[in-house]
Amino acid sequence: MFRFEAGARILVKRFESLDSEPIEVEILAKAPKMIKVKVLCDGYFAKNSIRWLSSDNWFSIGRSNTVT
């Protein structure tokens, strides 16, 4: 389950890719067991893309320390 509020910048990882680097996202909206995010770095998705992430496939690492 995603425990962060809308507007938070967090790092997330995919369960099936535990050895890969996490991606940084900003939470735009929340739904039960899902978050709508803006991707803030290139990696698994293109930078600035908008995606829905399911807690069945993704988990949060923690807040991002990136300052803009």
C-alpha atoms as a PDB file:
ATOM      1  CA  MET A   1       0.000   0.000   0.000  1.00  0.00           C
ATOM      2  CA  PHE A   2       1.247   3.503  -0.809  1.00  0.00           C
ATOM      3  CA  ARG A   3       1.375   5.541   2.395  1.00  0.00           C
ATOM      4  CA  PHE A   4       2.367   8.953   1.003  1.00  0.00           C
ATOM      5  CA  GLU A   5       0.077  11.886   0.255  1.00  0.00           C
ATOM      6  CA  ALA A   6      -0.643  13.514  -3.099  1.00  0.00           C
ATOM      7  CA  GLY A   7       2.155  15.937  -3.964  1.00  0.00           C
ATOM      8  CA  ALA A   8       4.859  13.824  -2.327  1.00  0.00           C
ATOM      9  CA  ARG A   9       8.003  12.947  -4.270  1.00  0.00           C
ATOM     10  CA  ILE A  10       8.950   9.347  -3.620  1.00  0.00           C
ATOM     11  CA  LEU A  11      11.178   6.561  -4.889  1.00  0.00           C
ATOM     12  CA  VAL A  12       9.441   3.397  -6.095  1.00  0.00           C
ATOM     13  CA  LYS A  13      10.603  -0.011  -7.282  1.00  0.00           C
ATOM     14  CA  ARG A  14       8.944  -2.809  -9.163  1.00  0.00           C
ATOM     15  CA  PHE A  15       8.658  -6.092  -7.228  1.00  0.00           C
ATOM     16  CA  GLU A  16      10.019  -8.121 -10.156  1.00  0.00           C
ATOM     17  CA  SER A  17      13.089  -5.828 -10.528  1.00  0.00           C
ATOM     18  CA  LEU A  18      14.414  -5.641  -6.982  1.00  0.00           C
ATOM     19  CA  ASP A  19      18.032  -5.301  -8.128  1.00  0.00           C
ATOM     20  CA  SER A  20      17.319  -2.315 -10.424  1.00  0.00           C
ATOM     21  CA  GLU A  21      17.535   1.369  -9.505  1.00  0.00           C
ATOM     22  CA  PRO A  22      14.366   2.949  -8.067  1.00  0.00           C
ATOM     23  CA  ILE A  23      12.551   5.608 -10.051  1.00  0.00           C
ATOM     24  CA  GLU A  24      11.560   8.997  -8.676  1.00  0.00           C
ATOM     25  CA  VAL A  25       7.906   9.998  -9.040  1.00  0.00           C
ATOM     26  CA  GLU A  26       5.525  12.675  -7.818  1.00  0.00           C
ATOM     27  CA  ILE A  27       2.131  11.471  -6.616  1.00  0.00           C
ATOM     28  CA  LEU A  28      -0.678  13.244  -8.469  1.00  0.00           C
ATOM     29  CA  ALA A  29      -3.674  11.270  -7.170  1.00  0.00           C
ATOM     30  CA  LYS A  30      -4.505   8.214  -5.093  1.00  0.00           C
ATOM     31  CA  ALA A  31      -7.018   5.406  -5.390  1.00  0.00           C
ATOM     32  CA  PRO A  32      -7.323   2.195  -3.375  1.00  0.00           C
ATOM     33  CA  LYS A  33      -4.091   0.231  -3.981  1.00  0.00           C
ATOM     34  CA  MET A  34      -3.024   2.620  -6.793  1.00  0.00           C
ATOM     35  CA  ILE A  35      -1.325   5.960  -7.300  1.00  0.00           C
ATOM     36  CA  LYS A  36      -1.264   8.243 -10.326  1.00  0.00           C
ATOM     37  CA  VAL A  37       2.254   9.607 -10.746  1.00  0.00           C
ATOM     38  CA  LYS A  38       4.387  11.898 -12.852  1.00  0.00           C
ATOM     39  CA  VAL A  39       7.720  10.207 -13.573  1.00  0.00           C
ATOM     40  CA  LEU A  40      10.590  12.564 -12.657  1.00  0.00           C
ATOM     41  CA  CYS A  41      13.547  10.608 -14.059  1.00  0.00           C
ATOM     42  CA  ASP A  42      14.328   8.450 -17.059  1.00  0.00           C
ATOM     43  CA  GLY A  43      14.369   4.755 -16.387  1.00  0.00           C
ATOM     44  CA  TYR A  44      11.524   2.288 -16.427  1.00  0.00           C
ATOM     45  CA  PHE A  45       9.214   4.932 -17.957  1.00  0.00           C
ATOM     46  CA  ALA A  46       9.963   8.086 -19.954  1.00  0.00           C
ATOM     47  CA  LYS A  47      10.597  11.237 -17.945  1.00  0.00           C
ATOM     48  CA  ASN A  48       7.490  13.426 -17.450  1.00  0.00           C
ATOM     49  CA  SER A  49       5.101  10.612 -18.406  1.00  0.00           C
ATOM     50  CA  ILE A  50       1.940  10.129 -16.335  1.00  0.00           C
ATOM     51  CA  ARG A  51       1.265   6.574 -15.098  1.00  0.00           C
ATOM     52  CA  TRP A  52      -0.943   4.626 -12.725  1.00  0.00           C
ATOM     53  CA  LEU A  53       1.077   2.311 -10.453  1.00  0.00           C
ATOM     54  CA  SER A  54      -0.518  -0.607  -8.614  1.00  0.00           C
ATOM     55  CA  SER A  55       0.647  -1.700  -5.170  1.00  0.00           C
ATOM     56  CA  ASP A  56       0.464  -5.275  -6.500  1.00  0.00           C
ATOM     57  CA  ASN A  57       3.456  -4.509  -8.783  1.00  0.00           C
ATOM     58  CA  TRP A  58       5.193  -1.503  -7.179  1.00  0.00           C
ATOM     59  CA  PHE A  59       6.338  -0.538  -3.687  1.00  0.00           C
ATOM     60  CA  SER A  60       7.631   2.695  -2.214  1.00  0.00           C
ATOM     61  CA  ILE A  61      11.170   3.003  -0.875  1.00  0.00           C
ATOM     62  CA  GLY A  62      10.701   6.389   0.811  1.00  0.00           C
ATOM     63  CA  ARG A  63      10.611  10.099   0.178  1.00  0.00           C
ATOM     64  CA  SER A  64      12.919  11.555  -2.422  1.00  0.00           C
ATOM     65  CA  ASN A  65      15.609  13.980  -1.269  1.00  0.00           C
ATOM     66  CA  THR A  66      15.789  15.752  -4.620  1.00  0.00           C
ATOM     67  CA  VAL A  67      15.427  19.529  -4.409  1.00  0.00           C
ATOM     68  CA  THR A  68      14.169  21.456  -7.446  1.00  0.00           C
END
